PDB file of all heavy atoms in Angstrom:
ATOM      1  N   ARG A   1      -9.749   5.457  -4.683  1.00  0.00           N
ATOM      2  CA  ARG A   1      -9.314   5.668  -6.070  1.00  0.00           C
ATOM      3  C   ARG A   1      -7.795   5.751  -6.039  1.00  0.00           C
ATOM      4  O   ARG A   1      -7.222   6.398  -5.167  1.00  0.00           O
ATOM      5  CB  ARG A   1      -9.891   6.974  -6.649  1.00  0.00           C
ATOM      6  CG  ARG A   1     -11.405   6.971  -6.859  1.00  0.00           C
ATOM      7  CD  ARG A   1     -11.902   8.312  -7.383  1.00  0.00           C
ATOM      8  NE  ARG A   1     -11.735   9.357  -6.399  1.00  0.00           N
ATOM      9  CZ  ARG A   1     -10.868  10.356  -6.503  1.00  0.00           C
ATOM     10  NH1 ARG A   1     -10.053  10.438  -7.560  1.00  0.00           N
ATOM     11  NH2 ARG A   1     -10.778  11.287  -5.573  1.00  0.00           N
ATOM     12  N   TYR A   2      -7.133   5.129  -6.985  1.00  0.00           N
ATOM     13  CA  TYR A   2      -5.680   5.112  -6.977  1.00  0.00           C
ATOM     14  C   TYR A   2      -5.073   6.521  -6.933  1.00  0.00           C
ATOM     15  O   TYR A   2      -4.074   6.735  -6.224  1.00  0.00           O
ATOM     16  CB  TYR A   2      -5.140   4.349  -8.189  1.00  0.00           C
ATOM     17  CG  TYR A   2      -3.635   4.322  -8.232  1.00  0.00           C
ATOM     18  CD1 TYR A   2      -2.912   3.437  -7.427  1.00  0.00           C
ATOM     19  CD2 TYR A   2      -2.923   5.197  -9.049  1.00  0.00           C
ATOM     20  CE1 TYR A   2      -1.539   3.417  -7.447  1.00  0.00           C
ATOM     21  CE2 TYR A   2      -1.533   5.190  -9.065  1.00  0.00           C
ATOM     22  CZ  TYR A   2      -0.845   4.299  -8.265  1.00  0.00           C
ATOM     23  OH  TYR A   2       0.528   4.284  -8.279  1.00  0.00           O
ATOM     24  N   PRO A   3      -5.622   7.522  -7.654  1.00  0.00           N
ATOM     25  CA  PRO A   3      -5.020   8.863  -7.614  1.00  0.00           C
ATOM     26  C   PRO A   3      -4.949   9.491  -6.218  1.00  0.00           C
ATOM     27  O   PRO A   3      -4.203  10.451  -6.012  1.00  0.00           O
ATOM     28  CB  PRO A   3      -5.936   9.684  -8.527  1.00  0.00           C
ATOM     29  CG  PRO A   3      -6.489   8.684  -9.489  1.00  0.00           C
ATOM     30  CD  PRO A   3      -6.701   7.448  -8.658  1.00  0.00           C
ATOM     31  N   LEU A   4      -5.710   8.941  -5.268  1.00  0.00           N
ATOM     32  CA  LEU A   4      -5.645   9.485  -3.907  1.00  0.00           C
ATOM     33  C   LEU A   4      -4.244   9.360  -3.321  1.00  0.00           C
ATOM     34  O   LEU A   4      -3.904  10.061  -2.358  1.00  0.00           O
ATOM     35  CB  LEU A   4      -6.648   8.760  -3.004  1.00  0.00           C
ATOM     36  CG  LEU A   4      -8.120   9.120  -3.190  1.00  0.00           C
ATOM     37  CD1 LEU A   4      -9.006   8.200  -2.369  1.00  0.00           C
ATOM     38  CD2 LEU A   4      -8.359  10.571  -2.810  1.00  0.00           C
ATOM     39  N   ILE A   5      -3.445   8.478  -3.900  1.00  0.00           N
ATOM     40  CA  ILE A   5      -2.085   8.301  -3.403  1.00  0.00           C
ATOM     41  C   ILE A   5      -1.295   9.605  -3.490  1.00  0.00           C
ATOM     42  O   ILE A   5      -0.407   9.880  -2.694  1.00  0.00           O
ATOM     43  CB  ILE A   5      -1.383   7.162  -4.173  1.00  0.00           C
ATOM     44  CG1 ILE A   5      -0.179   6.674  -3.385  1.00  0.00           C
ATOM     45  CG2 ILE A   5      -0.974   7.594  -5.569  1.00  0.00           C
ATOM     46  CD1 ILE A   5       0.406   5.392  -3.909  1.00  0.00           C
ATOM     47  N   HIS A   6      -1.662  10.441  -4.460  1.00  0.00           N
ATOM     48  CA  HIS A   6      -0.959  11.709  -4.646  1.00  0.00           C
ATOM     49  C   HIS A   6      -1.480  12.794  -3.708  1.00  0.00           C
ATOM     50  O   HIS A   6      -0.896  13.883  -3.629  1.00  0.00           O
ATOM     51  CB  HIS A   6      -1.103  12.173  -6.100  1.00  0.00           C
ATOM     52  CG  HIS A   6      -0.619  11.159  -7.094  1.00  0.00           C
ATOM     53  ND1 HIS A   6       0.689  10.754  -7.165  1.00  0.00           N
ATOM     54  CD2 HIS A   6      -1.296  10.448  -8.048  1.00  0.00           C
ATOM     55  CE1 HIS A   6       0.820   9.855  -8.124  1.00  0.00           C
ATOM     56  NE2 HIS A   6      -0.365   9.642  -8.669  1.00  0.00           N
ATOM     57  N   HIS A   7      -2.563  12.522  -2.997  1.00  0.00           N
ATOM     58  CA  HIS A   7      -3.128  13.478  -2.047  1.00  0.00           C
ATOM     59  C   HIS A   7      -2.808  13.099  -0.599  1.00  0.00           C
ATOM     60  O   HIS A   7      -3.209  13.806   0.321  1.00  0.00           O
ATOM     61  CB  HIS A   7      -4.640  13.567  -2.226  1.00  0.00           C
ATOM     62  CG  HIS A   7      -5.059  14.061  -3.585  1.00  0.00           C
ATOM     63  ND1 HIS A   7      -5.107  15.405  -3.908  1.00  0.00           N
ATOM     64  CD2 HIS A   7      -5.421  13.388  -4.698  1.00  0.00           C
ATOM     65  CE1 HIS A   7      -5.492  15.534  -5.178  1.00  0.00           C
ATOM     66  NE2 HIS A   7      -5.693  14.330  -5.670  1.00  0.00           N
ATOM     67  N   SER A   8      -2.093  12.000  -0.444  1.00  0.00           N
ATOM     68  CA  SER A   8      -1.766  11.544   0.903  1.00  0.00           C
ATOM     69  C   SER A   8      -0.785  12.489   1.580  1.00  0.00           C
ATOM     70  O   SER A   8       0.210  12.908   0.991  1.00  0.00           O
ATOM     71  CB  SER A   8      -1.164  10.141   0.845  1.00  0.00           C
ATOM     72  OG  SER A   8      -0.644   9.773   2.105  1.00  0.00           O
ATOM     73  N   LYS A   9      -1.062  12.803   2.841  1.00  0.00           N
ATOM     74  CA  LYS A   9      -0.153  13.601   3.651  1.00  0.00           C
ATOM     75  C   LYS A   9       0.464  12.767   4.768  1.00  0.00           C
ATOM     76  O   LYS A   9       1.083  13.305   5.693  1.00  0.00           O
ATOM     77  CB  LYS A   9      -0.905  14.803   4.228  1.00  0.00           C
ATOM     78  CG  LYS A   9      -1.438  15.757   3.169  1.00  0.00           C
ATOM     79  CD  LYS A   9      -2.198  16.910   3.794  1.00  0.00           C
ATOM     80  CE  LYS A   9      -2.755  17.841   2.711  1.00  0.00           C
ATOM     81  NZ  LYS A   9      -3.541  18.954   3.292  1.00  0.00           N
ATOM     82  N   ASP A  10       0.273  11.464   4.661  1.00  0.00           N
ATOM     83  CA  ASP A  10       0.798  10.527   5.651  1.00  0.00           C
ATOM     84  C   ASP A  10       2.226  10.136   5.247  1.00  0.00           C
ATOM     85  O   ASP A  10       2.422   9.367   4.302  1.00  0.00           O
ATOM     86  CB  ASP A  10      -0.106   9.297   5.725  1.00  0.00           C
ATOM     87  CG  ASP A  10       0.296   8.328   6.826  1.00  0.00           C
ATOM     88  OD1 ASP A  10       1.447   8.394   7.290  1.00  0.00           O
ATOM     89  OD2 ASP A  10      -0.545   7.490   7.203  1.00  0.00           O
ATOM     90  N   GLN A  11       3.217  10.658   5.942  1.00  0.00           N
ATOM     91  CA  GLN A  11       4.611  10.396   5.595  1.00  0.00           C
ATOM     92  C   GLN A  11       4.965   8.921   5.760  1.00  0.00           C
ATOM     93  O   GLN A  11       5.797   8.388   5.015  1.00  0.00           O
ATOM     94  CB  GLN A  11       5.541  11.266   6.439  1.00  0.00           C
ATOM     95  CG  GLN A  11       5.420  12.756   6.144  1.00  0.00           C
ATOM     96  CD  GLN A  11       6.373  13.588   6.969  1.00  0.00           C
ATOM     97  OE1 GLN A  11       7.034  13.097   7.888  1.00  0.00           O
ATOM     98  NE2 GLN A  11       6.456  14.872   6.652  1.00  0.00           N
ATOM     99  N   ASN A  12       4.339   8.262   6.732  1.00  0.00           N
ATOM    100  CA  ASN A  12       4.588   6.828   6.909  1.00  0.00           C
ATOM    101  C   ASN A  12       4.103   6.041   5.689  1.00  0.00           C
ATOM    102  O   ASN A  12       4.769   5.106   5.229  1.00  0.00           O
ATOM    103  CB  ASN A  12       3.871   6.326   8.165  1.00  0.00           C
ATOM    104  CG  ASN A  12       4.383   7.000   9.419  1.00  0.00           C
ATOM    105  OD1 ASN A  12       5.583   7.096   9.643  1.00  0.00           O
ATOM    106  ND2 ASN A  12       3.460   7.479  10.248  1.00  0.00           N
ATOM    107  N   PHE A  13       2.961   6.430   5.167  1.00  0.00           N
ATOM    108  CA  PHE A  13       2.424   5.778   3.975  1.00  0.00           C
ATOM    109  C   PHE A  13       3.320   6.037   2.768  1.00  0.00           C
ATOM    110  O   PHE A  13       3.591   5.129   1.974  1.00  0.00           O
ATOM    111  CB  PHE A  13       1.006   6.279   3.696  1.00  0.00           C
ATOM    112  CG  PHE A  13       0.411   5.744   2.424  1.00  0.00           C
ATOM    113  CD1 PHE A  13      -0.132   4.482   2.374  1.00  0.00           C
ATOM    114  CD2 PHE A  13       0.403   6.514   1.269  1.00  0.00           C
ATOM    115  CE1 PHE A  13      -0.683   3.980   1.206  1.00  0.00           C
ATOM    116  CE2 PHE A  13      -0.140   6.045   0.097  1.00  0.00           C
ATOM    117  CZ  PHE A  13      -0.688   4.765   0.064  1.00  0.00           C
ATOM    118  N   GLN A  14       3.786   7.267   2.624  1.00  0.00           N
ATOM    119  CA  GLN A  14       4.640   7.602   1.486  1.00  0.00           C
ATOM    120  C   GLN A  14       5.942   6.808   1.531  1.00  0.00           C
ATOM    121  O   GLN A  14       6.416   6.313   0.496  1.00  0.00           O
ATOM    122  CB  GLN A  14       4.934   9.108   1.473  1.00  0.00           C
ATOM    123  CG  GLN A  14       3.725   9.978   1.183  1.00  0.00           C
ATOM    124  CD  GLN A  14       3.165   9.738  -0.222  1.00  0.00           C
ATOM    125  OE1 GLN A  14       3.884   9.353  -1.130  1.00  0.00           O
ATOM    126  NE2 GLN A  14       1.869   9.976  -0.386  1.00  0.00           N
ATOM    127  N   ARG A  15       6.514   6.671   2.700  1.00  0.00           N
ATOM    128  CA  ARG A  15       7.733   5.871   2.842  1.00  0.00           C
ATOM    129  C   ARG A  15       7.454   4.412   2.492  1.00  0.00           C
ATOM    130  O   ARG A  15       8.233   3.758   1.792  1.00  0.00           O
ATOM    131  CB  ARG A  15       8.279   5.984   4.259  1.00  0.00           C
ATOM    132  CG  ARG A  15       9.568   5.192   4.480  1.00  0.00           C
ATOM    133  CD  ARG A  15      10.187   5.475   5.834  1.00  0.00           C
ATOM    134  NE  ARG A  15       9.317   5.111   6.939  1.00  0.00           N
ATOM    135  CZ  ARG A  15       8.690   5.988   7.705  1.00  0.00           C
ATOM    136  NH1 ARG A  15       8.815   7.284   7.483  1.00  0.00           N
ATOM    137  NH2 ARG A  15       7.922   5.583   8.694  1.00  0.00           N
ATOM    138  N   LEU A  16       6.324   3.908   2.968  1.00  0.00           N
ATOM    139  CA  LEU A  16       5.945   2.535   2.684  1.00  0.00           C
ATOM    140  C   LEU A  16       5.712   2.319   1.193  1.00  0.00           C
ATOM    141  O   LEU A  16       6.085   1.283   0.623  1.00  0.00           O
ATOM    142  CB  LEU A  16       4.677   2.193   3.477  1.00  0.00           C
ATOM    143  CG  LEU A  16       4.246   0.738   3.549  1.00  0.00           C
ATOM    144  CD1 LEU A  16       5.334  -0.127   4.146  1.00  0.00           C
ATOM    145  CD2 LEU A  16       2.961   0.617   4.364  1.00  0.00           C
ATOM    146  N   TYR A  17       5.124   3.303   0.542  1.00  0.00           N
ATOM    147  CA  TYR A  17       4.861   3.225  -0.897  1.00  0.00           C
ATOM    148  C   TYR A  17       6.167   3.048  -1.673  1.00  0.00           C
ATOM    149  O   TYR A  17       6.278   2.197  -2.564  1.00  0.00           O
ATOM    150  CB  TYR A  17       4.133   4.485  -1.347  1.00  0.00           C
ATOM    151  CG  TYR A  17       3.940   4.593  -2.839  1.00  0.00           C
ATOM    152  CD1 TYR A  17       3.038   3.769  -3.513  1.00  0.00           C
ATOM    153  CD2 TYR A  17       4.662   5.528  -3.576  1.00  0.00           C
ATOM    154  CE1 TYR A  17       2.864   3.874  -4.883  1.00  0.00           C
ATOM    155  CE2 TYR A  17       4.490   5.644  -4.947  1.00  0.00           C
ATOM    156  CZ  TYR A  17       3.593   4.809  -5.592  1.00  0.00           C
ATOM    157  OH  TYR A  17       3.432   4.913  -6.949  1.00  0.00           O
ATOM    158  N   HIS A  18       7.168   3.811  -1.329  1.00  0.00           N
ATOM    159  CA  HIS A  18       8.457   3.710  -2.024  1.00  0.00           C
ATOM    160  C   HIS A  18       9.181   2.413  -1.668  1.00  0.00           C
ATOM    161  O   HIS A  18       9.836   1.807  -2.532  1.00  0.00           O
ATOM    162  CB  HIS A  18       9.320   4.922  -1.695  1.00  0.00           C
ATOM    163  CG  HIS A  18       8.790   6.209  -2.259  1.00  0.00           C
ATOM    164  ND1 HIS A  18       8.713   6.454  -3.625  1.00  0.00           N
ATOM    165  CD2 HIS A  18       8.276   7.313  -1.652  1.00  0.00           C
ATOM    166  CE1 HIS A  18       8.211   7.650  -3.843  1.00  0.00           C
ATOM    167  NE2 HIS A  18       7.924   8.196  -2.660  1.00  0.00           N
ATOM    168  N   GLN A  19       9.059   1.974  -0.433  1.00  0.00           N
ATOM    169  CA  GLN A  19       9.675   0.706  -0.042  1.00  0.00           C
ATOM    170  C   GLN A  19       9.062  -0.464  -0.807  1.00  0.00           C
ATOM    171  O   GLN A  19       9.777  -1.360  -1.260  1.00  0.00           O
ATOM    172  CB  GLN A  19       9.518   0.489   1.467  1.00  0.00           C
ATOM    173  CG  GLN A  19      10.372   1.397   2.326  1.00  0.00           C
ATOM    174  CD  GLN A  19      10.050   1.253   3.801  1.00  0.00           C
ATOM    175  OE1 GLN A  19       8.957   0.806   4.190  1.00  0.00           O
ATOM    176  NE2 GLN A  19      10.998   1.648   4.649  1.00  0.00           N
ATOM    177  N   MET A  20       7.753  -0.435  -0.969  1.00  0.00           N
ATOM    178  CA  MET A  20       7.095  -1.540  -1.661  1.00  0.00           C
ATOM    179  C   MET A  20       7.382  -1.517  -3.162  1.00  0.00           C
ATOM    180  O   MET A  20       7.438  -2.568  -3.801  1.00  0.00           O
ATOM    181  CB  MET A  20       5.586  -1.515  -1.390  1.00  0.00           C
ATOM    182  CG  MET A  20       5.240  -1.878   0.036  1.00  0.00           C
ATOM    183  SD  MET A  20       3.539  -2.445   0.279  1.00  0.00           S
ATOM    184  CE  MET A  20       3.607  -4.090  -0.444  1.00  0.00           C
ATOM    185  N   LYS A  21       7.577  -0.341  -3.726  1.00  0.00           N
ATOM    186  CA  LYS A  21       7.959  -0.262  -5.139  1.00  0.00           C
ATOM    187  C   LYS A  21       9.322  -0.909  -5.367  1.00  0.00           C
ATOM    188  O   LYS A  21       9.571  -1.505  -6.423  1.00  0.00           O
ATOM    189  CB  LYS A  21       7.988   1.199  -5.600  1.00  0.00           C
ATOM    190  CG  LYS A  21       6.617   1.806  -5.853  1.00  0.00           C
ATOM    191  CD  LYS A  21       6.713   3.205  -6.417  1.00  0.00           C
ATOM    192  CE  LYS A  21       7.300   3.190  -7.817  1.00  0.00           C
ATOM    193  NZ  LYS A  21       7.291   4.550  -8.423  1.00  0.00           N
ATOM    194  N   ASP A  22      10.190  -0.826  -4.364  1.00  0.00           N
ATOM    195  CA  ASP A  22      11.534  -1.395  -4.474  1.00  0.00           C
ATOM    196  C   ASP A  22      11.591  -2.869  -4.082  1.00  0.00           C
ATOM    197  O   ASP A  22      12.635  -3.509  -4.240  1.00  0.00           O
ATOM    198  CB  ASP A  22      12.514  -0.611  -3.587  1.00  0.00           C
ATOM    199  CG  ASP A  22      12.709   0.818  -4.071  1.00  0.00           C
ATOM    200  OD1 ASP A  22      12.471   1.078  -5.264  1.00  0.00           O
ATOM    201  OD2 ASP A  22      13.086   1.678  -3.242  1.00  0.00           O
ATOM    202  N   TRP A  23      10.496  -3.399  -3.552  1.00  0.00           N
ATOM    203  CA  TRP A  23      10.464  -4.789  -3.085  1.00  0.00           C
ATOM    204  C   TRP A  23      10.561  -5.733  -4.277  1.00  0.00           C
ATOM    205  O   TRP A  23       9.713  -5.729  -5.161  1.00  0.00           O
ATOM    206  CB  TRP A  23       9.167  -5.013  -2.307  1.00  0.00           C
ATOM    207  CG  TRP A  23       9.029  -6.372  -1.689  1.00  0.00           C
ATOM    208  CD1 TRP A  23      10.026  -7.233  -1.338  1.00  0.00           C
ATOM    209  CD2 TRP A  23       7.803  -7.017  -1.321  1.00  0.00           C
ATOM    210  NE1 TRP A  23       9.514  -8.382  -0.776  1.00  0.00           N
ATOM    211  CE2 TRP A  23       8.148  -8.263  -0.760  1.00  0.00           C
ATOM    212  CE3 TRP A  23       6.463  -6.647  -1.405  1.00  0.00           C
ATOM    213  CZ2 TRP A  23       7.185  -9.154  -0.295  1.00  0.00           C
ATOM    214  CZ3 TRP A  23       5.503  -7.529  -0.939  1.00  0.00           C
ATOM    215  CH2 TRP A  23       5.860  -8.764  -0.390  1.00  0.00           C
ATOM    216  N   GLN A  24      11.579  -6.559  -4.287  1.00  0.00           N
ATOM    217  CA  GLN A  24      11.798  -7.500  -5.385  1.00  0.00           C
ATOM    218  C   GLN A  24      11.130  -8.835  -5.061  1.00  0.00           C
ATOM    219  O   GLN A  24      11.797  -9.856  -4.852  1.00  0.00           O
ATOM    220  CB  GLN A  24      13.309  -7.689  -5.620  1.00  0.00           C
ATOM    221  CG  GLN A  24      14.058  -6.412  -5.957  1.00  0.00           C
ATOM    222  CD  GLN A  24      13.563  -5.783  -7.247  1.00  0.00           C
ATOM    223  OE1 GLN A  24      13.405  -6.460  -8.266  1.00  0.00           O
ATOM    224  NE2 GLN A  24      13.318  -4.469  -7.217  1.00  0.00           N
ATOM    225  N   VAL A  25       9.811  -8.838  -5.025  1.00  0.00           N
ATOM    226  CA  VAL A  25       9.081 -10.076  -4.726  1.00  0.00           C
ATOM    227  C   VAL A  25       8.868 -10.852  -6.017  1.00  0.00           C
ATOM    228  O   VAL A  25       8.284 -10.360  -6.972  1.00  0.00           O
ATOM    229  CB  VAL A  25       7.738  -9.766  -4.018  1.00  0.00           C
ATOM    230  CG1 VAL A  25       6.863  -8.836  -4.849  1.00  0.00           C
ATOM    231  CG2 VAL A  25       6.989 -11.053  -3.690  1.00  0.00           C
ATOM    232  N   ASN A  26       9.371 -12.084  -6.038  1.00  0.00           N
ATOM    233  CA  ASN A  26       9.294 -12.911  -7.242  1.00  0.00           C
ATOM    234  C   ASN A  26       8.611 -14.242  -6.969  1.00  0.00           C
ATOM    235  O   ASN A  26       8.872 -15.239  -7.638  1.00  0.00           O
ATOM    236  CB  ASN A  26      10.692 -13.136  -7.823  1.00  0.00           C
ATOM    237  CG  ASN A  26      11.640 -13.757  -6.797  1.00  0.00           C
ATOM    238  OD1 ASN A  26      11.237 -14.066  -5.680  1.00  0.00           O
ATOM    239  ND2 ASN A  26      12.893 -13.924  -7.191  1.00  0.00           N
ATOM    240  N   TYR A  27       7.758 -14.262  -5.968  1.00  0.00           N
ATOM    241  CA  TYR A  27       7.005 -15.456  -5.620  1.00  0.00           C
ATOM    242  C   TYR A  27       5.576 -15.028  -5.285  1.00  0.00           C
ATOM    243  O   TYR A  27       5.325 -13.865  -4.991  1.00  0.00           O
ATOM    244  CB  TYR A  27       7.657 -16.181  -4.431  1.00  0.00           C
ATOM    245  CG  TYR A  27       7.782 -15.339  -3.186  1.00  0.00           C
ATOM    246  CD1 TYR A  27       6.746 -15.261  -2.249  1.00  0.00           C
ATOM    247  CD2 TYR A  27       8.945 -14.603  -2.933  1.00  0.00           C
ATOM    248  CE1 TYR A  27       6.852 -14.481  -1.118  1.00  0.00           C
ATOM    249  CE2 TYR A  27       9.054 -13.815  -1.789  1.00  0.00           C
ATOM    250  CZ  TYR A  27       8.018 -13.765  -0.890  1.00  0.00           C
ATOM    251  OH  TYR A  27       8.125 -12.994   0.237  1.00  0.00           O
ATOM    252  N   PRO A  28       4.623 -15.938  -5.329  1.00  0.00           N
ATOM    253  CA  PRO A  28       3.225 -15.546  -5.086  1.00  0.00           C
ATOM    254  C   PRO A  28       2.945 -15.216  -3.622  1.00  0.00           C
ATOM    255  O   PRO A  28       3.365 -15.934  -2.719  1.00  0.00           O
ATOM    256  CB  PRO A  28       2.426 -16.775  -5.532  1.00  0.00           C
ATOM    257  CG  PRO A  28       3.384 -17.913  -5.460  1.00  0.00           C
ATOM    258  CD  PRO A  28       4.738 -17.342  -5.756  1.00  0.00           C
ATOM    259  N   VAL A  29       2.249 -14.112  -3.405  1.00  0.00           N
ATOM    260  CA  VAL A  29       1.774 -13.693  -2.087  1.00  0.00           C
ATOM    261  C   VAL A  29       0.288 -13.379  -2.222  1.00  0.00           C
ATOM    262  O   VAL A  29      -0.128 -12.764  -3.206  1.00  0.00           O
ATOM    263  CB  VAL A  29       2.522 -12.439  -1.583  1.00  0.00           C
ATOM    264  CG1 VAL A  29       1.977 -12.001  -0.231  1.00  0.00           C
ATOM    265  CG2 VAL A  29       4.015 -12.689  -1.502  1.00  0.00           C
ATOM    266  N   ILE A  30      -0.496 -13.810  -1.248  1.00  0.00           N
ATOM    267  CA  ILE A  30      -1.930 -13.544  -1.275  1.00  0.00           C
ATOM    268  C   ILE A  30      -2.295 -12.696  -0.064  1.00  0.00           C
ATOM    269  O   ILE A  30      -1.984 -13.055   1.071  1.00  0.00           O
ATOM    270  CB  ILE A  30      -2.756 -14.838  -1.276  1.00  0.00           C
ATOM    271  CG1 ILE A  30      -2.274 -15.801  -2.362  1.00  0.00           C
ATOM    272  CG2 ILE A  30      -4.240 -14.523  -1.491  1.00  0.00           C
ATOM    273  CD1 ILE A  30      -2.972 -17.147  -2.350  1.00  0.00           C
ATOM    274  N   ILE A  31      -2.941 -11.573  -0.317  1.00  0.00           N
ATOM    275  CA  ILE A  31      -3.357 -10.672   0.750  1.00  0.00           C
ATOM    276  C   ILE A  31      -4.881 -10.616   0.812  1.00  0.00           C
ATOM    277  O   ILE A  31      -5.537 -10.403  -0.207  1.00  0.00           O
ATOM    278  CB  ILE A  31      -2.793  -9.254   0.536  1.00  0.00           C
ATOM    279  CG1 ILE A  31      -1.261  -9.280   0.573  1.00  0.00           C
ATOM    280  CG2 ILE A  31      -3.330  -8.296   1.594  1.00  0.00           C
ATOM    281  CD1 ILE A  31      -0.624  -7.925   0.317  1.00  0.00           C
ATOM    282  N   TYR A  32      -5.413 -10.804   2.006  1.00  0.00           N
ATOM    283  CA  TYR A  32      -6.855 -10.703   2.245  1.00  0.00           C
ATOM    284  C   TYR A  32      -7.085  -9.528   3.189  1.00  0.00           C
ATOM    285  O   TYR A  32      -6.640  -9.552   4.338  1.00  0.00           O
ATOM    286  CB  TYR A  32      -7.391 -11.995   2.858  1.00  0.00           C
ATOM    287  CG  TYR A  32      -7.267 -13.191   1.945  1.00  0.00           C
ATOM    288  CD1 TYR A  32      -6.079 -13.918   1.885  1.00  0.00           C
ATOM    289  CD2 TYR A  32      -8.327 -13.595   1.133  1.00  0.00           C
ATOM    290  CE1 TYR A  32      -5.952 -15.012   1.048  1.00  0.00           C
ATOM    291  CE2 TYR A  32      -8.202 -14.686   0.287  1.00  0.00           C
ATOM    292  CZ  TYR A  32      -7.021 -15.387   0.247  1.00  0.00           C
ATOM    293  OH  TYR A  32      -6.888 -16.464  -0.591  1.00  0.00           O
ATOM    294  N   ASN A  33      -7.758  -8.529   2.696  1.00  0.00           N
ATOM    295  CA  ASN A  33      -8.020  -7.317   3.458  1.00  0.00           C
ATOM    296  C   ASN A  33      -9.477  -7.358   3.925  1.00  0.00           C
ATOM    297  O   ASN A  33     -10.395  -7.058   3.164  1.00  0.00           O
ATOM    298  CB  ASN A  33      -7.765  -6.091   2.579  1.00  0.00           C
ATOM    299  CG  ASN A  33      -7.676  -4.806   3.377  1.00  0.00           C
ATOM    300  OD1 ASN A  33      -7.680  -4.826   4.604  1.00  0.00           O
ATOM    301  ND2 ASN A  33      -7.603  -3.683   2.684  1.00  0.00           N
ATOM    302  N   LEU A  34      -9.693  -7.733   5.178  1.00  0.00           N
ATOM    303  CA  LEU A  34     -11.037  -7.890   5.725  1.00  0.00           C
ATOM    304  C   LEU A  34     -11.382  -6.685   6.593  1.00  0.00           C
ATOM    305  O   LEU A  34     -10.631  -6.334   7.511  1.00  0.00           O
ATOM    306  CB  LEU A  34     -11.143  -9.182   6.544  1.00  0.00           C
ATOM    307  CG  LEU A  34     -10.655 -10.466   5.857  1.00  0.00           C
ATOM    308  CD1 LEU A  34     -10.932 -11.679   6.740  1.00  0.00           C
ATOM    309  CD2 LEU A  34     -11.292 -10.649   4.483  1.00  0.00           C
ATOM    310  N   MET A  35     -12.502  -6.061   6.285  1.00  0.00           N
ATOM    311  CA  MET A  35     -12.910  -4.842   6.990  1.00  0.00           C
ATOM    312  C   MET A  35     -14.311  -5.016   7.569  1.00  0.00           C
ATOM    313  O   MET A  35     -15.087  -5.848   7.095  1.00  0.00           O
ATOM    314  CB  MET A  35     -12.895  -3.654   6.023  1.00  0.00           C
ATOM    315  CG  MET A  35     -11.537  -3.358   5.418  1.00  0.00           C
ATOM    316  SD  MET A  35     -11.596  -2.016   4.193  1.00  0.00           S
ATOM    317  CE  MET A  35     -12.538  -2.812   2.903  1.00  0.00           C
ATOM    318  N   GLY A  36     -14.623  -4.222   8.565  1.00  0.00           N
ATOM    319  CA  GLY A  36     -15.954  -4.246   9.159  1.00  0.00           C
ATOM    320  C   GLY A  36     -16.651  -2.919   8.966  1.00  0.00           C
ATOM    321  O   GLY A  36     -16.031  -1.888   8.718  1.00  0.00           O
ATOM    322  N   THR A  37     -17.974  -2.949   9.073  1.00  0.00           N
ATOM    323  CA  THR A  37     -18.776  -1.732   9.036  1.00  0.00           C
ATOM    324  C   THR A  37     -19.716  -1.757  10.236  1.00  0.00           C
ATOM    325  O   THR A  37     -20.576  -2.631  10.334  1.00  0.00           O
ATOM    326  CB  THR A  37     -19.609  -1.638   7.744  1.00  0.00           C
ATOM    327  OG1 THR A  37     -18.747  -1.722   6.612  1.00  0.00           O
ATOM    328  CG2 THR A  37     -20.386  -0.326   7.695  1.00  0.00           C
ATOM    329  N   LYS A  38     -19.534  -0.827  11.151  1.00  0.00           N
ATOM    330  CA  LYS A  38     -20.375  -0.826  12.346  1.00  0.00           C
ATOM    331  C   LYS A  38     -21.801  -0.416  11.983  1.00  0.00           C
ATOM    332  O   LYS A  38     -22.044   0.220  10.948  1.00  0.00           O
ATOM    333  CB  LYS A  38     -19.803   0.123  13.394  1.00  0.00           C
ATOM    334  CG  LYS A  38     -19.966   1.601  13.062  1.00  0.00           C
ATOM    335  CD  LYS A  38     -19.571   2.479  14.236  1.00  0.00           C
ATOM    336  CE  LYS A  38     -19.843   3.951  13.938  1.00  0.00           C
ATOM    337  NZ  LYS A  38     -19.523   4.827  15.079  1.00  0.00           N
TER     338      LYS A  38
END
C-alpha cells in the first residue's frame, strides 16, 4: 500500500525516494518487476 512509505525505517529507501522525486526524467522508461514465490 502506498502509505507504507511513511512507515519505512530504511534510510537507504528514504534517500532513494527523495532522489527519485528530484529525477527530471522526460523520456519513456519501462520497468518490469519480476518476483518469485517459493
